[in-house]
Structure formats: structure tokens, C-alpha cells
Protein backbone atom coordinates (compact mmCIF):
# COMPACT_ATOMS: atom_id res chain seq x y z
CA MET A 1 86.51 16.76 70.32
CA THR A 2 84.42 13.59 69.97
CA LEU A 3 82.03 13.15 67.33
CA TYR A 4 79.27 13.80 69.53
CA GLU A 5 80.31 17.17 70.81
CA MET A 6 80.85 17.82 67.28
CA ILE A 7 77.04 17.87 66.67
CA ASP A 8 76.40 21.61 68.13
CA LYS A 9 79.71 22.75 66.56
CA ARG A 10 79.81 21.76 62.78
CA ARG A 11 78.35 23.77 59.88
CA SER A 12 77.96 23.90 56.15
CA VAL A 13 80.93 25.66 55.06
CA ARG A 14 80.89 27.30 51.39
CA LYS A 15 83.94 29.01 51.68
CA TYR A 16 87.47 27.61 51.48
CA ILE A 17 91.19 28.13 51.43
CA ASP A 18 93.36 27.31 48.64
CA ALA A 19 95.28 24.71 50.04
CA LEU A 20 95.10 20.78 50.04
CA PRO A 21 94.35 18.57 52.88
CA ASP A 22 97.66 16.34 53.25
CA ASP A 23 97.57 12.84 51.79
CA ASP A 24 97.69 11.50 55.42
CA THR A 25 94.33 13.10 56.61
CA VAL A 26 93.05 12.30 53.17
CA ASP A 27 93.71 8.87 53.95
CA LYS A 28 92.40 8.75 57.55
CA ILE A 29 89.24 10.16 55.80
CA GLU A 30 88.83 7.11 53.34
CA ARG A 31 89.84 4.36 56.12
CA PHE A 32 87.24 5.83 58.24
CA ILE A 33 84.43 5.69 55.51
CA GLU A 34 85.72 1.94 54.93
CA ASN A 35 85.48 0.96 58.97
CA THR A 36 81.90 2.93 59.25
CA ARG A 37 79.06 -0.01 60.02
CA GLN A 38 75.91 0.40 57.19
CA LEU A 39 72.79 -0.25 57.70
CA PRO A 40 71.79 -3.79 57.62
CA GLY A 41 71.39 -5.28 53.66
CA GLN A 42 72.60 -2.45 52.54
CA ASN A 43 76.25 -1.86 50.35
CA ALA A 44 76.71 1.78 49.11
CA TRP A 45 80.08 2.47 48.13
CA PHE A 46 82.19 5.61 48.34
CA GLU A 47 85.23 7.15 46.76
CA ILE A 48 87.43 10.39 47.33
CA VAL A 49 87.87 12.30 44.02
CA PRO A 50 89.58 15.85 43.49
CA SER A 51 87.01 18.68 43.26
CA GLN A 52 87.85 19.01 39.43
CA SER A 53 86.36 15.63 38.78
CA VAL A 54 83.07 16.95 40.18
CA SER A 55 80.51 19.46 38.64
CA ALA A 56 79.41 22.21 41.26
CA ALA A 57 83.23 21.81 42.71
CA VAL A 58 83.61 23.18 46.39
CA GLY A 59 86.73 22.64 48.43
CA ALA A 60 89.77 20.42 47.85
CA TYR A 61 88.09 17.33 47.48
CA GLY A 62 84.79 15.24 47.24
CA ILE A 63 83.32 12.14 48.49
CA LEU A 64 80.77 10.88 45.91
CA ALA A 65 78.34 8.02 47.15
CA TYR A 66 76.92 5.42 45.01
CA CYS A 67 74.06 2.87 45.74
CA GLU A 68 70.99 1.38 44.56
CA ALA A 69 67.59 3.16 43.82
CA GLY A 70 65.53 2.99 47.35
CA ASP A 71 64.70 4.50 50.35
CA ALA A 72 66.71 2.49 52.76
CA ALA A 73 69.54 3.11 50.59
CA TYR A 74 69.06 6.47 50.48
CA ALA A 75 68.81 6.76 54.26
CA ASN A 76 72.13 4.41 54.42
CA VAL A 77 74.01 7.01 52.41
CA GLY A 78 73.35 9.63 55.00
CA TYR A 79 73.86 7.61 57.79
CA VAL A 80 77.50 6.86 56.56
CA LEU A 81 78.46 10.11 55.79
CA GLN A 82 77.25 12.19 58.04
CA LYS A 83 79.36 10.32 60.44
CA THR A 84 82.29 10.99 58.10
CA ASP A 85 81.01 14.90 58.00
CA LEU A 86 81.50 15.36 61.93
CA TYR A 87 84.42 13.46 61.64
CA ILE A 88 86.19 15.44 58.90
CA GLN A 89 85.04 18.91 61.12
CA SER A 90 86.84 17.20 63.95
CA LEU A 91 89.74 17.18 62.09
CA GLY A 92 89.44 21.06 61.53
CA LEU A 93 88.59 20.83 57.71
CA GLY A 94 85.16 22.18 56.35
CA SER A 95 82.55 20.02 55.06
CA LEU A 96 79.59 20.90 52.79
CA TRP A 97 76.49 18.22 51.41
CA LEU A 98 76.30 19.34 47.97
CA GLY A 99 72.74 17.52 46.23
CA MET A 100 73.71 19.27 42.63
CA GLY A 101 76.95 17.56 42.75
CA LYS A 102 77.89 15.37 40.31
CA PRO A 103 80.74 12.99 38.70
CA LYS A 104 81.83 14.53 35.40
CA ALA A 105 82.71 10.95 34.30
CA LYS A 106 79.51 9.97 32.17
CA ASP A 107 80.24 6.31 33.36
CA LYS A 108 79.76 6.75 36.95
CA ARG A 109 76.45 8.76 36.91
CA ASP A 110 73.95 5.59 36.87
CA ASP A 111 74.08 4.65 40.71
CA PHE A 112 75.58 8.07 42.08
CA CYS A 113 73.34 9.11 45.10
CA ILE A 114 75.03 12.43 46.83
CA LEU A 115 78.34 14.24 46.76
CA LEU A 116 79.94 15.50 50.66
CA ALA A 117 82.57 17.98 49.66
CA PHE A 118 85.38 18.92 52.09
CA GLY A 119 88.66 21.09 52.03
CA LYS A 120 91.04 23.47 54.30
CA THR A 121 88.83 26.27 55.61
CA ASP A 122 89.20 29.55 58.21
CA VAL A 123 85.18 29.54 58.64
CA PRO A 124 85.28 28.81 62.61
CA LEU A 125 82.90 26.17 64.05
CA ARG A 126 79.84 27.39 65.78
CA ASN A 127 79.59 28.22 69.50
CA GLY A 128 76.73 25.96 70.31
CA ALA A 129 72.90 24.94 69.57
CA SER A 130 72.22 28.71 69.81
CA ASP A 131 73.68 29.26 66.18
CA PHE A 132 71.48 27.00 64.42
CA GLN A 133 67.99 27.82 62.85
CA ARG A 134 65.92 24.78 63.33
CA LEU A 135 62.30 24.18 64.13
CA PRO A 136 61.50 23.84 67.99
CA ILE A 137 61.43 20.20 69.73
CA GLU A 138 58.01 20.23 70.14
CA ARG A 139 57.64 20.11 65.85
CA ILE A 140 60.04 17.36 65.68
CA SER A 141 59.79 15.19 68.55
CA ASN A 142 57.28 13.40 71.30
CA GLU A 143 59.68 14.22 74.24
CA ASP A 144 62.25 16.90 74.82
CA ASN A 145 65.37 15.54 75.96
CA ALA A 146 69.56 14.93 74.93
CA ILE A 147 68.87 13.04 71.91
CA ALA A 148 65.87 14.82 70.34
CA ARG A 149 68.13 17.86 70.86
CA SER A 150 70.72 16.55 68.96
CA ALA A 151 68.37 15.50 65.94
CA ARG A 152 67.19 18.81 65.87
CA LEU A 153 70.54 20.39 64.90
CA ALA A 154 71.19 17.75 61.79
CA PRO A 155 71.46 19.29 58.51
CA SER A 156 69.12 18.63 55.56
CA ALA A 157 68.46 19.74 52.25
CA GLN A 158 66.97 23.29 52.19
CA ASN A 159 66.37 22.87 55.76
CA SER A 160 63.53 20.81 55.51
CA GLN A 161 63.65 18.99 58.60
CA PRO A 162 61.88 15.88 57.03
CA TRP A 163 61.31 13.65 59.94
CA GLU A 164 59.65 13.26 63.62
CA LEU A 165 61.00 11.79 66.26
CA ARG A 166 58.84 8.95 68.45
CA PHE A 167 60.21 7.96 71.63
CA GLU A 168 58.75 4.35 72.83
CA GLU A 169 60.19 1.86 75.58
CA ASP A 170 64.00 0.84 74.53
CA LYS A 171 63.66 2.27 70.98
CA VAL A 172 63.58 5.83 69.08
CA ILE A 173 61.26 5.77 65.43
CA VAL A 174 62.61 8.43 62.90
CA ARG A 175 59.69 8.85 60.64
CA TYR A 176 59.82 10.87 57.27
CA VAL A 177 57.12 13.26 57.07
CA GLY A 178 58.26 16.15 54.60
CA ARG A 179 57.39 19.61 55.18
CA GLY A 180 55.51 21.93 53.08
CA MET A 181 56.72 22.91 49.84
CA PHE A 182 59.96 20.68 49.95
CA LYS A 183 58.00 17.54 50.52
CA ARG A 184 57.01 16.79 46.95
CA MET A 185 60.21 18.55 45.69
CA LEU A 186 62.92 16.09 47.79
CA LYS A 187 60.73 13.15 48.52
CA LYS A 188 62.47 10.52 45.85
CA LYS A 189 66.05 11.02 47.35
CA LEU A 190 67.14 14.09 49.54
CA ASN A 191 64.80 13.39 52.00
CA LYS A 192 65.83 10.11 52.61
CA ILE A 193 69.38 10.80 52.79
CA ASP A 194 68.09 13.46 55.47
CA LEU A 195 66.54 10.51 57.56
CA GLY A 196 69.72 8.97 57.59
CA ILE A 197 71.79 11.69 58.53
CA VAL A 198 69.29 12.83 61.54
CA THR A 199 69.68 8.99 62.68
CA ARG A 200 73.22 9.28 62.99
CA HIS A 201 72.77 12.27 65.16
CA VAL A 202 70.32 9.76 67.47
CA ALA A 203 72.29 7.02 67.67
CA LEU A 204 75.70 9.19 68.79
CA ALA A 205 73.87 10.82 71.20
CA LEU A 206 71.92 7.95 72.70
CA ARG A 207 75.29 6.14 73.38
CA ASN A 208 76.59 9.51 74.67
CA GLU A 209 73.66 9.15 77.32
CA GLY A 210 75.39 5.72 78.22
CA LYS A 211 73.05 3.72 75.91
CA ASP A 212 74.01 0.30 73.88
CA VAL A 213 72.62 1.28 70.48
CA ARG A 214 71.13 -2.54 69.76
CA SER A 215 70.03 -1.80 65.87
CA VAL A 216 69.26 0.63 63.56
CA THR A 217 66.71 -0.70 60.83
CA ALA A 218 65.21 1.11 57.97
CA LYS A 219 61.65 0.15 57.58
CA SER A 220 58.72 1.06 55.34
CA ASP A 221 55.29 0.07 56.59
CA ALA A 222 51.63 1.44 56.57
CA ASP A 223 53.00 4.74 58.31
CA GLY A 224 55.23 5.19 55.61
CA PHE A 225 58.89 5.22 55.17
CA GLY A 226 61.30 5.13 58.78
CA ILE A 227 64.14 4.22 60.86
CA GLU A 228 63.71 2.28 64.03
CA VAL A 229 66.82 2.44 66.71
CA ARG A 230 66.69 0.22 69.49
CA TRP A 231 68.93 0.44 72.71
CA ARG A 232 69.45 -1.02 76.06
CA ALA A 233 71.45 -0.04 78.99
CA ALA A 234 75.06 0.14 78.79
CA ARG A 235 76.42 -2.69 80.41
CA ASP A 236 78.75 -2.27 83.49
CA LYS A 237 82.21 -2.58 82.81
CA THR A 238 83.69 -2.37 86.20
């Protein structure tokens, strides 16, 4: 199953079985993270540790993400780890974003960003998009298309869905908007991570639609923080 196909199958898994993924699988996940391109100008780093090394332990392992403080840096972590999240579930494992999880070692907390837990599970994948509880397309996008529908299914802190998509010629802008009570509570970091997560869904959906994603760029301007994804029609390889 491709990563795009995983978008409407994945779920946040909170129940795990008492068995460890094999070392080869963990190595594959580590290499996958290392080979995932980050947003321009960003240099987050990631560490896979046993769940005993983190607070709020769930699953067998945790992927600890570290980065500088800042909107673009947080969005970059979401962009990288959401691809990893989909990859992990494509391997038959479960995974869970943990906003409250932290490394236990005090010397690793200064630039810690967020934790993605994973492990073996017997919880099944979702049947499809109808299994999700999300805002309607018209609340998050100025167009109803395959890219917006994939974006709609992205996970977010407290399911706050703090984004809006604006489609223009050869680009889509994913804008942070915040929603309700969560706008203030989560705005400093988690909602910026969420923006990176939803942008990963946008990029995967564009490629599935035959688009060549040219650039993914985090920007702050008079309208606030957002991520611009530019594309062009993929070249005919025949």
C-alpha cells in the first residue's frame, strides 16, 4: 500500500500488544526518516528510543524530534514525521502523535519538539474516509478536490484542524487559522506542527494526481504563517 493510499486508512493507535517490532523493521524506519527531505532551511534531527526512555510511554518505541524554536521549524517536524507516520502504518504497525510525551533525560529537553510513538498492534486500519470525524471540505478549502479531501483527513492536536487551503494557479497555500478554544491554547507549537502534517498530505495527493511538486516553502507574511506548495504537470516519461 502506498503512502497516499494510507491517508484514508491510518488511525491514531492507543492500544498496543506486548511484543517488539524486529530490529530490521526499526532500522528501516530509521533509514526512512534519514532519507526524508526536510523543508528548505530546516535541520531537525530525530532519534528512535525505547518507550521506557520517554514519559507518557505508549507502544514499544518513540521517535523523538528535536528542532530550533520557530513556526517553520515546528512545521518542518510535522512534515517529516507525518510521512514517517504513514510509512510506519504501511508496515502493519500502529503509531500515535504524543504532544505530552517528553524524553526522560534532562539534557535532551531543551530543543525537544514532539514524540511519535509506534509499536505492534492488533487494532485494524480504518475502512476509509467515512470513518473520520472532520470538518466539511467547505470549512477548510476554497475548492473541493482530491487534494483537499486528503488534507481533510490529516491528524491534528485535539482534532482542531487549524488550517485552510487556498488553491491558486499552480500552487496551494496552507494557512494557519486556529479554531475556537484551541487557537490560543495550541498556537505556540502544536498547531504549527499540524500545518506541516497537513502539508504532507497535500504533497502526497498532488503527486498521486500526476503533479510534480516543485517546492514546499514555509512563509510568514501580513496574513500570518503558512506553507506554499507549488507544482507543475509531471513530465511525460514515455
